[in-house]
Amino acid sequence: MTPATMRAIEISEAGGPDVLRPTTRPVPEPASGEILIKIEAAGVNRPDALQRAGAYAPPPDASDLPGLECAGEVVATGAGVSRWQVGDKVCALLPGGGYAEYATTHQDHALPVPEGLTMVEAAALCETFFTVWTNVFERGHLQAGETFLVHGGTSGIGTTAIQLARAFGARVFATAGSAEKCAKCVELGAERAINYKDEDFVEVVKSATDGRGVDLILDMVGGPYIARNIRALAVDGRLAMIAFLGGPKAEINFAQIMTKRLTVTGSTLRPRSVQDKAVIAEALRARVWPLIEAGRIAPVMDRVFPLAQAADAHRRIESAEHMGKIVLTLG
């Protein structure tokens, strides 16, 4: 029997981590095509912090609670659900609501927990793997033998992108902010890690590619990196933007885009349609989940906090000291 109410963490008002407050909410009911998940663990991501700060509003039909991914057990199904049964263990992309004991999501946005992973590890998969897959391989068209640069190499996105790009045969470069973080990037499969505090990533990747530049860059910094990314790209290169930690504006020379035939693209995941996310989930199920189960790729875990310490988890992710994923547990 599912209870009527649940523990959750809500955003009491826009602000810093301290605005995250414990609350009691009604347990959501799954609509047609949806499943209800009893959450064992939930991932913490940058968009959660942006939502908390008032800079990333949830879609109109989504929960106002933060949390975009989780792992847990299916405890109820809505009309028309055929993919999952009560008792199945899943990890899932959520439209919101992950900082709670229960959450709903569309049946096609859930994936089986990969064999060999704990529920805490599984909770760290979906938001970053969906994001990396769609931007690096679908929009960025990364191919085996190409060169790839990811900024923020020890973030959840970065650690995922390094592993996936290497697994699919690319030469990988990454930027990070310390010797320890650079070493982690190399451990995960980067050919060269660049400490952005004392090296110029444009010069490094140009030197490593005999002056050619890289084929694809995945950037979450923006701002002053945008023009430098364009200089670092090879002819026919692609730049994929997924965040703007350094700001969304830059002055760039469009002549370089024309003469090098560059493609500049970007996307956000949360507002995409149910069908779009379902297509990404199916690609991950077919192409990436076997690599996880074979032990070739794994989520890099930073720290685990109980749900009640969600504010500390946000302080951790905003400190930029973390390496890999931060997860909340519901014990």
C-alpha atoms as a PDB file:
ATOM      1  CA  MET A   1       0.000   0.000   0.000  1.00  0.00           C
ATOM      2  CA  THR A   2       1.336   3.417  -0.981  1.00  0.00           C
ATOM      3  CA  PRO A   3       0.980   6.048   1.741  1.00  0.00           C
ATOM      4  CA  ALA A   4      -1.009   9.223   1.185  1.00  0.00           C
ATOM      5  CA  THR A   5       1.882  11.543   2.036  1.00  0.00           C
ATOM      6  CA  MET A   6       5.655  11.578   1.681  1.00  0.00           C
ATOM      7  CA  ARG A   7       8.771  13.359   2.866  1.00  0.00           C
ATOM      8  CA  ALA A   8      10.246  15.818   0.391  1.00  0.00           C
ATOM      9  CA  ILE A   9      12.599  18.775   0.080  1.00  0.00           C
ATOM     10  CA  GLU A  10      11.035  21.909  -1.384  1.00  0.00           C
ATOM     11  CA  ILE A  11      12.365  25.278  -2.503  1.00  0.00           C
ATOM     12  CA  SER A  12      10.806  27.678  -0.008  1.00  0.00           C
ATOM     13  CA  GLU A  13      11.873  30.731  -2.022  1.00  0.00           C
ATOM     14  CA  ALA A  14      14.523  31.622  -4.562  1.00  0.00           C
ATOM     15  CA  GLY A  15      17.947  31.832  -2.954  1.00  0.00           C
ATOM     16  CA  GLY A  16      20.944  29.930  -1.647  1.00  0.00           C
ATOM     17  CA  PRO A  17      21.113  26.341  -0.381  1.00  0.00           C
ATOM     18  CA  ASP A  18      19.400  27.235   2.911  1.00  0.00           C
ATOM     19  CA  VAL A  19      16.082  27.785   1.114  1.00  0.00           C
ATOM     20  CA  LEU A  20      15.822  24.004   0.676  1.00  0.00           C
ATOM     21  CA  ARG A  21      13.394  22.937   3.412  1.00  0.00           C
ATOM     22  CA  PRO A  22      11.864  19.615   4.498  1.00  0.00           C
ATOM     23  CA  THR A  23       8.149  19.322   3.819  1.00  0.00           C
ATOM     24  CA  THR A  24       5.328  16.807   3.573  1.00  0.00           C
ATOM     25  CA  ARG A  25       3.545  16.425   0.246  1.00  0.00           C
ATOM     26  CA  PRO A  26       0.833  14.158  -1.148  1.00  0.00           C
ATOM     27  CA  VAL A  27       2.230  11.144  -2.965  1.00  0.00           C
ATOM     28  CA  PRO A  28       1.734  11.828  -6.700  1.00  0.00           C
ATOM     29  CA  GLU A  29      -0.509   9.552  -8.744  1.00  0.00           C
ATOM     30  CA  PRO A  30       0.733   8.227 -12.081  1.00  0.00           C
ATOM     31  CA  ALA A  31      -1.166   9.556 -15.078  1.00  0.00           C
ATOM     32  CA  SER A  32      -1.757   7.568 -18.254  1.00  0.00           C
ATOM     33  CA  GLY A  33       1.563   6.192 -19.495  1.00  0.00           C
ATOM     34  CA  GLU A  34       3.365   7.005 -16.243  1.00  0.00           C
ATOM     35  CA  ILE A  35       4.905   4.968 -13.439  1.00  0.00           C
ATOM     36  CA  LEU A  36       5.178   5.801  -9.736  1.00  0.00           C
ATOM     37  CA  ILE A  37       8.652   5.156  -8.315  1.00  0.00           C
ATOM     38  CA  LYS A  38       9.480   4.663  -4.655  1.00  0.00           C
ATOM     39  CA  ILE A  39      12.832   6.434  -4.638  1.00  0.00           C
ATOM     40  CA  GLU A  40      15.907   4.911  -3.029  1.00  0.00           C
ATOM     41  CA  ALA A  41      18.357   7.540  -4.288  1.00  0.00           C
ATOM     42  CA  ALA A  42      18.214  10.737  -6.344  1.00  0.00           C
ATOM     43  CA  GLY A  43      20.923  12.536  -8.277  1.00  0.00           C
ATOM     44  CA  VAL A  44      21.880  16.160  -7.610  1.00  0.00           C
ATOM     45  CA  ASN A  45      22.623  18.260 -10.687  1.00  0.00           C
ATOM     46  CA  ARG A  46      23.453  21.837 -11.635  1.00  0.00           C
ATOM     47  CA  PRO A  47      19.934  22.474 -12.966  1.00  0.00           C
ATOM     48  CA  ASP A  48      18.616  21.739  -9.455  1.00  0.00           C
ATOM     49  CA  ALA A  49      20.786  24.550  -8.076  1.00  0.00           C
ATOM     50  CA  LEU A  50      19.683  26.869 -10.861  1.00  0.00           C
ATOM     51  CA  GLN A  51      16.033  26.103 -10.109  1.00  0.00           C
ATOM     52  CA  ARG A  52      16.647  26.757  -6.418  1.00  0.00           C
ATOM     53  CA  ALA A  53      18.206  30.116  -7.265  1.00  0.00           C
ATOM     54  CA  GLY A  54      15.183  31.100  -9.358  1.00  0.00           C
ATOM     55  CA  ALA A  55      17.008  30.844 -12.700  1.00  0.00           C
ATOM     56  CA  TYR A  56      15.502  27.652 -14.165  1.00  0.00           C
ATOM     57  CA  ALA A  57      11.754  27.297 -13.763  1.00  0.00           C
ATOM     58  CA  PRO A  58      10.260  23.812 -14.125  1.00  0.00           C
ATOM     59  CA  PRO A  59       7.917  23.132 -17.064  1.00  0.00           C
ATOM     60  CA  PRO A  60       4.270  24.005 -16.314  1.00  0.00           C
ATOM     61  CA  ASP A  61       3.195  20.369 -15.907  1.00  0.00           C
ATOM     62  CA  ALA A  62       6.195  19.278 -13.785  1.00  0.00           C
ATOM     63  CA  SER A  63       6.557  19.042 -10.026  1.00  0.00           C
ATOM     64  CA  ASP A  64       7.949  22.164  -8.364  1.00  0.00           C
ATOM     65  CA  LEU A  65      10.220  19.934  -6.264  1.00  0.00           C
ATOM     66  CA  PRO A  66      13.822  19.740  -7.497  1.00  0.00           C
ATOM     67  CA  GLY A  67      15.371  16.501  -8.716  1.00  0.00           C
ATOM     68  CA  LEU A  68      15.733  15.295 -12.318  1.00  0.00           C
ATOM     69  CA  GLU A  69      16.847  11.679 -11.875  1.00  0.00           C
ATOM     70  CA  CYS A  70      16.387   8.805  -9.463  1.00  0.00           C
ATOM     71  CA  ALA A  71      16.593   5.085  -8.894  1.00  0.00           C
ATOM     72  CA  GLY A  72      13.998   3.023  -7.095  1.00  0.00           C
ATOM     73  CA  GLU A  73      11.145   0.536  -7.345  1.00  0.00           C
ATOM     74  CA  VAL A  74       8.003   0.787  -9.438  1.00  0.00           C
ATOM     75  CA  VAL A  75       5.086   0.725  -6.982  1.00  0.00           C
ATOM     76  CA  ALA A  76       2.183   1.746  -9.235  1.00  0.00           C
ATOM     77  CA  THR A  77       1.435   2.186 -12.932  1.00  0.00           C
ATOM     78  CA  GLY A  78      -0.938   4.438 -14.827  1.00  0.00           C
ATOM     79  CA  ALA A  79      -3.300   3.399 -17.584  1.00  0.00           C
ATOM     80  CA  GLY A  80      -1.626   2.029 -20.684  1.00  0.00           C
ATOM     81  CA  VAL A  81       1.703   1.172 -19.078  1.00  0.00           C
ATOM     82  CA  SER A  82       3.135  -2.001 -20.576  1.00  0.00           C
ATOM     83  CA  ARG A  83       6.907  -1.608 -20.235  1.00  0.00           C
ATOM     84  CA  TRP A  84       7.107  -1.953 -16.426  1.00  0.00           C
ATOM     85  CA  GLN A  85       5.427  -3.909 -13.644  1.00  0.00           C
ATOM     86  CA  VAL A  86       5.107  -3.243  -9.939  1.00  0.00           C
ATOM     87  CA  GLY A  87       8.322  -4.423  -8.277  1.00  0.00           C
ATOM     88  CA  ASP A  88      10.661  -3.570 -11.152  1.00  0.00           C
ATOM     89  CA  LYS A  89      13.868  -1.753 -10.222  1.00  0.00           C
ATOM     90  CA  VAL A  90      14.492   1.243 -12.468  1.00  0.00           C
ATOM     91  CA  CYS A  91      16.566   4.357 -12.884  1.00  0.00           C
ATOM     92  CA  ALA A  92      14.744   7.227 -14.498  1.00  0.00           C
ATOM     93  CA  LEU A  93      14.859  10.700 -15.941  1.00  0.00           C
ATOM     94  CA  LEU A  94      12.306  12.865 -14.139  1.00  0.00           C
ATOM     95  CA  PRO A  95      10.564  16.093 -15.152  1.00  0.00           C
ATOM     96  CA  GLY A  96      11.092  17.143 -11.507  1.00  0.00           C
ATOM     97  CA  GLY A  97      10.241  15.853  -8.066  1.00  0.00           C
ATOM     98  CA  GLY A  98      13.264  13.686  -7.314  1.00  0.00           C
ATOM     99  CA  TYR A  99      13.952  15.141  -3.865  1.00  0.00           C
ATOM    100  CA  ALA A 100      11.136  13.069  -2.363  1.00  0.00           C
ATOM    101  CA  GLU A 101      10.159   9.564  -1.349  1.00  0.00           C
ATOM    102  CA  TYR A 102       8.029   9.078  -4.474  1.00  0.00           C
ATOM    103  CA  ALA A 103       8.001  10.527  -7.993  1.00  0.00           C
ATOM    104  CA  THR A 104       6.257   9.896 -11.299  1.00  0.00           C
ATOM    105  CA  THR A 105       7.718   9.810 -14.787  1.00  0.00           C
ATOM    106  CA  HIS A 106       6.747   8.554 -18.220  1.00  0.00           C
ATOM    107  CA  GLN A 107       7.308   4.826 -18.647  1.00  0.00           C
ATOM    108  CA  ASP A 108       9.601   5.435 -21.626  1.00  0.00           C
ATOM    109  CA  HIS A 109      11.931   7.644 -19.581  1.00  0.00           C
ATOM    110  CA  ALA A 110      12.897   4.810 -17.230  1.00  0.00           C
ATOM    111  CA  LEU A 111      15.630   2.253 -17.824  1.00  0.00           C
ATOM    112  CA  PRO A 112      16.527  -0.966 -16.034  1.00  0.00           C
ATOM    113  CA  VAL A 113      19.145  -0.657 -13.319  1.00  0.00           C
ATOM    114  CA  PRO A 114      22.304  -1.986 -15.008  1.00  0.00           C
ATOM    115  CA  GLU A 115      23.610  -5.252 -13.623  1.00  0.00           C
ATOM    116  CA  GLY A 116      26.476  -4.694 -11.205  1.00  0.00           C
ATOM    117  CA  LEU A 117      25.437  -1.192 -10.135  1.00  0.00           C
ATOM    118  CA  THR A 118      24.039  -0.211  -6.757  1.00  0.00           C
ATOM    119  CA  MET A 119      20.874   1.858  -6.579  1.00  0.00           C
ATOM    120  CA  VAL A 120      22.951   4.861  -5.495  1.00  0.00           C
ATOM    121  CA  GLU A 121      25.129   4.505  -8.601  1.00  0.00           C
ATOM    122  CA  ALA A 122      22.080   3.986 -10.812  1.00  0.00           C
ATOM    123  CA  ALA A 123      20.575   7.218  -9.483  1.00  0.00           C
ATOM    124  CA  ALA A 124      23.587   9.049 -10.934  1.00  0.00           C
ATOM    125  CA  LEU A 125      23.074   7.905 -14.518  1.00  0.00           C
ATOM    126  CA  CYS A 126      20.154   9.432 -16.342  1.00  0.00           C
ATOM    127  CA  GLU A 127      20.513  13.215 -16.322  1.00  0.00           C
ATOM    128  CA  THR A 128      24.154  13.161 -17.420  1.00  0.00           C
ATOM    129  CA  PHE A 129      23.932  10.194 -19.801  1.00  0.00           C
ATOM    130  CA  PHE A 130      20.835  11.563 -21.573  1.00  0.00           C
ATOM    131  CA  THR A 131      22.553  14.964 -21.884  1.00  0.00           C
ATOM    132  CA  VAL A 132      25.883  13.648 -23.129  1.00  0.00           C
ATOM    133  CA  TRP A 133      24.364  11.181 -25.567  1.00  0.00           C
ATOM    134  CA  THR A 134      22.104  13.712 -27.280  1.00  0.00           C
ATOM    135  CA  ASN A 135      24.697  16.492 -27.471  1.00  0.00           C
ATOM    136  CA  VAL A 136      27.865  14.531 -28.232  1.00  0.00           C
ATOM    137  CA  PHE A 137      26.565  11.742 -30.436  1.00  0.00           C
ATOM    138  CA  GLU A 138      23.241  12.922 -31.865  1.00  0.00           C
ATOM    139  CA  ARG A 139      23.752  16.674 -32.243  1.00  0.00           C
ATOM    140  CA  GLY A 140      27.557  16.625 -32.225  1.00  0.00           C
ATOM    141  CA  HIS A 141      27.871  13.550 -34.482  1.00  0.00           C
ATOM    142  CA  LEU A 142      31.086  12.351 -32.827  1.00  0.00           C
ATOM    143  CA  GLN A 143      32.665   9.493 -34.781  1.00  0.00           C
ATOM    144  CA  ALA A 144      35.417   6.995 -34.016  1.00  0.00           C
ATOM    145  CA  GLY A 145      38.830   8.459 -34.772  1.00  0.00           C
ATOM    146  CA  GLU A 146      37.716  12.071 -34.272  1.00  0.00           C
ATOM    147  CA  THR A 147      39.063  14.423 -31.607  1.00  0.00           C
ATOM    148  CA  PHE A 148      36.851  15.622 -28.760  1.00  0.00           C
ATOM    149  CA  LEU A 149      37.305  18.262 -26.050  1.00  0.00           C
ATOM    150  CA  VAL A 150      35.048  18.510 -23.008  1.00  0.00           C
ATOM    151  CA  HIS A 151      35.246  21.370 -20.541  1.00  0.00           C
ATOM    152  CA  GLY A 152      34.699  20.646 -16.855  1.00  0.00           C
ATOM    153  CA  GLY A 153      36.148  17.181 -17.204  1.00  0.00           C
ATOM    154  CA  THR A 154      35.497  16.095 -13.604  1.00  0.00           C
ATOM    155  CA  SER A 155      31.883  17.268 -13.438  1.00  0.00           C
ATOM    156  CA  GLY A 156      29.115  14.708 -13.769  1.00  0.00           C
ATOM    157  CA  ILE A 157      28.791  15.657 -17.445  1.00  0.00           C
ATOM    158  CA  GLY A 158      32.543  15.651 -17.968  1.00  0.00           C
ATOM    159  CA  THR A 159      33.257  12.267 -16.409  1.00  0.00           C
ATOM    160  CA  THR A 160      30.428  10.761 -18.465  1.00  0.00           C
ATOM    161  CA  ALA A 161      31.533  12.421 -21.701  1.00  0.00           C
ATOM    162  CA  ILE A 162      35.157  11.326 -21.344  1.00  0.00           C
ATOM    163  CA  GLN A 163      34.181   7.704 -20.841  1.00  0.00           C
ATOM    164  CA  LEU A 164      31.584   7.571 -23.610  1.00  0.00           C
ATOM    165  CA  ALA A 165      33.738   9.351 -26.179  1.00  0.00           C
ATOM    166  CA  ARG A 166      36.670   7.059 -25.437  1.00  0.00           C
ATOM    167  CA  ALA A 167      34.473   3.949 -25.526  1.00  0.00           C
ATOM    168  CA  PHE A 168      33.223   4.913 -28.986  1.00  0.00           C
ATOM    169  CA  GLY A 169      36.738   5.409 -30.334  1.00  0.00           C
ATOM    170  CA  ALA A 170      37.432   9.149 -30.121  1.00  0.00           C
ATOM    171  CA  ARG A 171      40.615  10.882 -28.979  1.00  0.00           C
ATOM    172  CA  VAL A 172      39.613  12.760 -25.843  1.00  0.00           C
ATOM    173  CA  PHE A 173      40.865  15.979 -24.277  1.00  0.00           C
ATOM    174  CA  ALA A 174      39.473  17.644 -21.168  1.00  0.00           C
ATOM    175  CA  THR A 175      39.903  20.790 -19.107  1.00  0.00           C
ATOM    176  CA  ALA A 176      39.902  20.867 -15.308  1.00  0.00           C
ATOM    177  CA  GLY A 177      41.018  23.191 -12.525  1.00  0.00           C
ATOM    178  CA  SER A 178      43.648  21.270 -10.555  1.00  0.00           C
ATOM    179  CA  ALA A 179      46.373  18.665 -10.943  1.00  0.00           C
ATOM    180  CA  GLU A 180      44.215  16.158  -9.056  1.00  0.00           C
ATOM    181  CA  LYS A 181      41.257  16.746 -11.344  1.00  0.00           C
ATOM    182  CA  CYS A 182      43.444  16.530 -14.441  1.00  0.00           C
ATOM    183  CA  ALA A 183      44.805  13.196 -13.233  1.00  0.00           C
ATOM    184  CA  LYS A 184      41.231  11.949 -12.825  1.00  0.00           C
ATOM    185  CA  CYS A 185      40.411  12.931 -16.402  1.00  0.00           C
ATOM    186  CA  VAL A 186      43.380  10.936 -17.677  1.00  0.00           C
ATOM    187  CA  GLU A 187      42.404   7.981 -15.491  1.00  0.00           C
ATOM    188  CA  LEU A 188      38.949   8.016 -17.113  1.00  0.00           C
ATOM    189  CA  GLY A 189      40.369   7.974 -20.626  1.00  0.00           C
ATOM    190  CA  ALA A 190      41.432  11.478 -21.642  1.00  0.00           C
ATOM    191  CA  GLU A 191      44.577  11.515 -23.757  1.00  0.00           C
ATOM    192  CA  ARG A 192      45.484  14.906 -22.322  1.00  0.00           C
ATOM    193  CA  ALA A 193      43.972  16.931 -19.477  1.00  0.00           C
ATOM    194  CA  ILE A 194      44.490  20.693 -19.494  1.00  0.00           C
ATOM    195  CA  ASN A 195      44.651  22.708 -16.279  1.00  0.00           C
ATOM    196  CA  TYR A 196      42.801  25.819 -17.386  1.00  0.00           C
ATOM    197  CA  LYS A 197      44.378  27.856 -14.580  1.00  0.00           C
ATOM    198  CA  ASP A 198      47.861  27.728 -16.093  1.00  0.00           C
ATOM    199  CA  GLU A 199      47.455  26.401 -19.659  1.00  0.00           C
ATOM    200  CA  ASP A 200      45.664  27.671 -22.764  1.00  0.00           C
ATOM    201  CA  PHE A 201      43.406  24.896 -24.021  1.00  0.00           C
ATOM    202  CA  VAL A 202      43.480  26.357 -27.558  1.00  0.00           C
ATOM    203  CA  GLU A 203      47.259  26.057 -27.748  1.00  0.00           C
ATOM    204  CA  VAL A 204      47.294  22.589 -26.168  1.00  0.00           C
ATOM    205  CA  VAL A 205      44.745  21.009 -28.500  1.00  0.00           C
ATOM    206  CA  LYS A 206      46.270  22.684 -31.540  1.00  0.00           C
ATOM    207  CA  SER A 207      49.686  21.299 -30.594  1.00  0.00           C
ATOM    208  CA  ALA A 208      48.283  17.818 -29.922  1.00  0.00           C
ATOM    209  CA  THR A 209      46.539  17.728 -33.306  1.00  0.00           C
ATOM    210  CA  ASP A 210      49.417  19.134 -35.420  1.00  0.00           C
ATOM    211  CA  GLY A 211      47.670  22.476 -35.685  1.00  0.00           C
ATOM    212  CA  ARG A 212      44.378  21.055 -36.932  1.00  0.00           C
ATOM    213  CA  GLY A 213      42.199  21.544 -33.850  1.00  0.00           C
ATOM    214  CA  VAL A 214      39.488  19.276 -32.487  1.00  0.00           C
ATOM    215  CA  ASP A 215      36.386  18.009 -34.249  1.00  0.00           C
ATOM    216  CA  LEU A 216      33.911  18.526 -31.402  1.00  0.00           C
ATOM    217  CA  ILE A 217      33.782  20.567 -28.204  1.00  0.00           C
ATOM    218  CA  LEU A 218      31.202  20.078 -25.440  1.00  0.00           C
ATOM    219  CA  ASP A 219      31.030  23.283 -23.421  1.00  0.00           C
ATOM    220  CA  MET A 220      29.155  24.230 -20.263  1.00  0.00           C
ATOM    221  CA  VAL A 221      31.192  27.366 -19.524  1.00  0.00           C
ATOM    222  CA  GLY A 222      30.239  29.752 -22.323  1.00  0.00           C
ATOM    223  CA  GLY A 223      31.180  33.397 -21.856  1.00  0.00           C
ATOM    224  CA  PRO A 224      34.900  33.896 -22.547  1.00  0.00           C
ATOM    225  CA  TYR A 225      35.260  30.286 -23.724  1.00  0.00           C
ATOM    226  CA  ILE A 226      33.004  30.697 -26.759  1.00  0.00           C
ATOM    227  CA  ALA A 227      35.424  32.614 -28.982  1.00  0.00           C
ATOM    228  CA  ARG A 228      38.308  30.415 -27.831  1.00  0.00           C
ATOM    229  CA  ASN A 229      36.291  27.287 -28.637  1.00  0.00           C
ATOM    230  CA  ILE A 230      35.838  28.521 -32.195  1.00  0.00           C
ATOM    231  CA  ARG A 231      39.587  29.034 -32.535  1.00  0.00           C
ATOM    232  CA  ALA A 232      40.231  25.530 -31.160  1.00  0.00           C
ATOM    233  CA  LEU A 233      37.938  23.779 -33.647  1.00  0.00           C
ATOM    234  CA  ALA A 234      39.154  22.065 -36.801  1.00  0.00           C
ATOM    235  CA  VAL A 235      37.660  22.644 -40.230  1.00  0.00           C
ATOM    236  CA  ASP A 236      34.105  21.230 -40.221  1.00  0.00           C
ATOM    237  CA  GLY A 237      34.234  21.210 -36.401  1.00  0.00           C
ATOM    238  CA  ARG A 238      31.205  21.350 -34.126  1.00  0.00           C
ATOM    239  CA  LEU A 239      30.583  23.244 -30.893  1.00  0.00           C
ATOM    240  CA  ALA A 240      27.826  21.946 -28.601  1.00  0.00           C
ATOM    241  CA  MET A 241      26.702  24.272 -25.800  1.00  0.00           C
ATOM    242  CA  ILE A 242      24.807  22.877 -22.809  1.00  0.00           C
ATOM    243  CA  ALA A 243      25.255  25.522 -20.088  1.00  0.00           C
ATOM    244  CA  PHE A 244      26.676  28.991 -19.453  1.00  0.00           C
ATOM    245  CA  LEU A 245      28.474  29.010 -16.113  1.00  0.00           C
ATOM    246  CA  GLY A 246      30.589  31.878 -17.443  1.00  0.00           C
ATOM    247  CA  GLY A 247      27.646  33.723 -19.007  1.00  0.00           C
ATOM    248  CA  PRO A 248      25.602  33.331 -22.221  1.00  0.00           C
ATOM    249  CA  LYS A 249      27.092  36.263 -24.181  1.00  0.00           C
ATOM    250  CA  ALA A 250      30.311  36.653 -26.153  1.00  0.00           C
ATOM    251  CA  GLU A 251      31.808  38.636 -29.000  1.00  0.00           C
ATOM    252  CA  ILE A 252      32.855  36.270 -31.759  1.00  0.00           C
ATOM    253  CA  ASN A 253      34.224  36.485 -35.282  1.00  0.00           C
ATOM    254  CA  PHE A 254      31.676  34.851 -37.572  1.00  0.00           C
ATOM    255  CA  ALA A 255      34.190  34.848 -40.403  1.00  0.00           C
ATOM    256  CA  GLN A 256      35.935  31.981 -38.586  1.00  0.00           C
ATOM    257  CA  ILE A 257      32.669  30.041 -38.537  1.00  0.00           C
ATOM    258  CA  MET A 258      32.266  30.558 -42.285  1.00  0.00           C
ATOM    259  CA  THR A 259      35.831  29.857 -43.359  1.00  0.00           C
ATOM    260  CA  LYS A 260      36.148  26.722 -41.211  1.00  0.00           C
ATOM    261  CA  ARG A 261      32.572  25.577 -41.976  1.00  0.00           C
ATOM    262  CA  LEU A 262      31.764  25.239 -38.281  1.00  0.00           C
ATOM    263  CA  THR A 263      28.493  24.159 -36.707  1.00  0.00           C
ATOM    264  CA  VAL A 264      27.415  25.751 -33.429  1.00  0.00           C
ATOM    265  CA  THR A 265      24.575  23.988 -31.669  1.00  0.00           C
ATOM    266  CA  GLY A 266      23.133  23.530 -28.210  1.00  0.00           C
ATOM    267  CA  SER A 267      20.207  22.131 -26.311  1.00  0.00           C
ATOM    268  CA  THR A 268      18.450  21.830 -22.987  1.00  0.00           C
ATOM    269  CA  LEU A 269      17.024  18.495 -21.903  1.00  0.00           C
ATOM    270  CA  ARG A 270      14.213  19.240 -19.467  1.00  0.00           C
ATOM    271  CA  PRO A 271      11.797  21.053 -21.852  1.00  0.00           C
ATOM    272  CA  ARG A 272      12.085  18.437 -24.612  1.00  0.00           C
ATOM    273  CA  SER A 273       9.041  16.388 -25.530  1.00  0.00           C
ATOM    274  CA  VAL A 274       8.115  13.030 -24.067  1.00  0.00           C
ATOM    275  CA  GLN A 275       8.899  11.424 -27.425  1.00  0.00           C
ATOM    276  CA  ASP A 276      12.312  13.114 -27.723  1.00  0.00           C
ATOM    277  CA  LYS A 277      13.365  11.809 -24.328  1.00  0.00           C
ATOM    278  CA  ALA A 278      11.995   8.356 -25.133  1.00  0.00           C
ATOM    279  CA  VAL A 279      14.172   8.185 -28.250  1.00  0.00           C
ATOM    280  CA  ILE A 280      17.260   9.091 -26.224  1.00  0.00           C
ATOM    281  CA  ALA A 281      16.367   6.472 -23.597  1.00  0.00           C
ATOM    282  CA  GLU A 282      16.074   3.775 -26.242  1.00  0.00           C
ATOM    283  CA  ALA A 283      19.452   4.702 -27.723  1.00  0.00           C
ATOM    284  CA  LEU A 284      21.044   4.474 -24.281  1.00  0.00           C
ATOM    285  CA  ARG A 285      19.391   1.119 -23.641  1.00  0.00           C
ATOM    286  CA  ALA A 286      20.761  -0.287 -26.903  1.00  0.00           C
ATOM    287  CA  ARG A 287      24.165   1.389 -27.145  1.00  0.00           C
ATOM    288  CA  VAL A 288      25.342   2.370 -23.659  1.00  0.00           C
ATOM    289  CA  TRP A 289      23.728   0.110 -21.046  1.00  0.00           C
ATOM    290  CA  PRO A 290      25.668  -2.937 -22.410  1.00  0.00           C
ATOM    291  CA  LEU A 291      28.917  -0.999 -21.890  1.00  0.00           C
ATOM    292  CA  ILE A 292      27.958  -0.243 -18.287  1.00  0.00           C
ATOM    293  CA  GLU A 293      27.061  -3.875 -17.608  1.00  0.00           C
ATOM    294  CA  ALA A 294      30.372  -4.967 -19.153  1.00  0.00           C
ATOM    295  CA  GLY A 295      32.227  -2.677 -16.741  1.00  0.00           C
ATOM    296  CA  ARG A 296      33.642  -0.444 -19.478  1.00  0.00           C
ATOM    297  CA  ILE A 297      31.800   2.652 -18.225  1.00  0.00           C
ATOM    298  CA  ALA A 298      30.662   3.568 -14.720  1.00  0.00           C
ATOM    299  CA  PRO A 299      29.304   6.655 -13.001  1.00  0.00           C
ATOM    300  CA  VAL A 300      31.998   8.492 -11.070  1.00  0.00           C
ATOM    301  CA  MET A 301      30.705   9.048  -7.543  1.00  0.00           C
ATOM    302  CA  ASP A 302      31.689  12.030  -5.426  1.00  0.00           C
ATOM    303  CA  ARG A 303      29.596  12.122  -2.232  1.00  0.00           C
ATOM    304  CA  VAL A 304      26.322  10.748  -0.898  1.00  0.00           C
ATOM    305  CA  PHE A 305      24.078  12.780   1.429  1.00  0.00           C
ATOM    306  CA  PRO A 306      20.810  11.852   3.155  1.00  0.00           C
ATOM    307  CA  LEU A 307      17.763  13.665   1.787  1.00  0.00           C
ATOM    308  CA  ALA A 308      17.609  15.914   4.855  1.00  0.00           C
ATOM    309  CA  GLN A 309      21.058  17.285   3.956  1.00  0.00           C
ATOM    310  CA  ALA A 310      20.081  18.424   0.454  1.00  0.00           C
ATOM    311  CA  ALA A 311      21.367  21.925   1.270  1.00  0.00           C
ATOM    312  CA  ASP A 312      24.835  20.489   1.965  1.00  0.00           C
ATOM    313  CA  ALA A 313      24.678  18.619  -1.332  1.00  0.00           C
ATOM    314  CA  HIS A 314      23.955  21.906  -3.112  1.00  0.00           C
ATOM    315  CA  ARG A 315      26.849  23.594  -1.349  1.00  0.00           C
ATOM    316  CA  ARG A 316      29.074  20.790  -2.532  1.00  0.00           C
ATOM    317  CA  ILE A 317      28.038  21.009  -6.191  1.00  0.00           C
ATOM    318  CA  GLU A 318      28.340  24.804  -6.209  1.00  0.00           C
ATOM    319  CA  SER A 319      31.800  24.682  -4.617  1.00  0.00           C
ATOM    320  CA  ALA A 320      33.208  23.138  -7.821  1.00  0.00           C
ATOM    321  CA  GLU A 321      35.335  20.891  -5.594  1.00  0.00           C
ATOM    322  CA  HIS A 322      33.443  17.715  -6.463  1.00  0.00           C
ATOM    323  CA  MET A 323      34.603  15.060  -8.908  1.00  0.00           C
ATOM    324  CA  GLY A 324      31.709  13.139 -10.394  1.00  0.00           C
ATOM    325  CA  LYS A 325      28.155  12.797  -9.147  1.00  0.00           C
ATOM    326  CA  ILE A 326      26.491  13.811  -5.897  1.00  0.00           C
ATOM    327  CA  VAL A 327      23.533  11.709  -4.748  1.00  0.00           C
ATOM    328  CA  LEU A 328      20.829  11.933  -2.082  1.00  0.00           C
ATOM    329  CA  THR A 329      19.627   8.784  -0.345  1.00  0.00           C
ATOM    330  CA  LEU A 330      16.223   8.086   1.190  1.00  0.00           C
ATOM    331  CA  GLY A 331      16.758   5.674   4.036  1.00  0.00           C
END
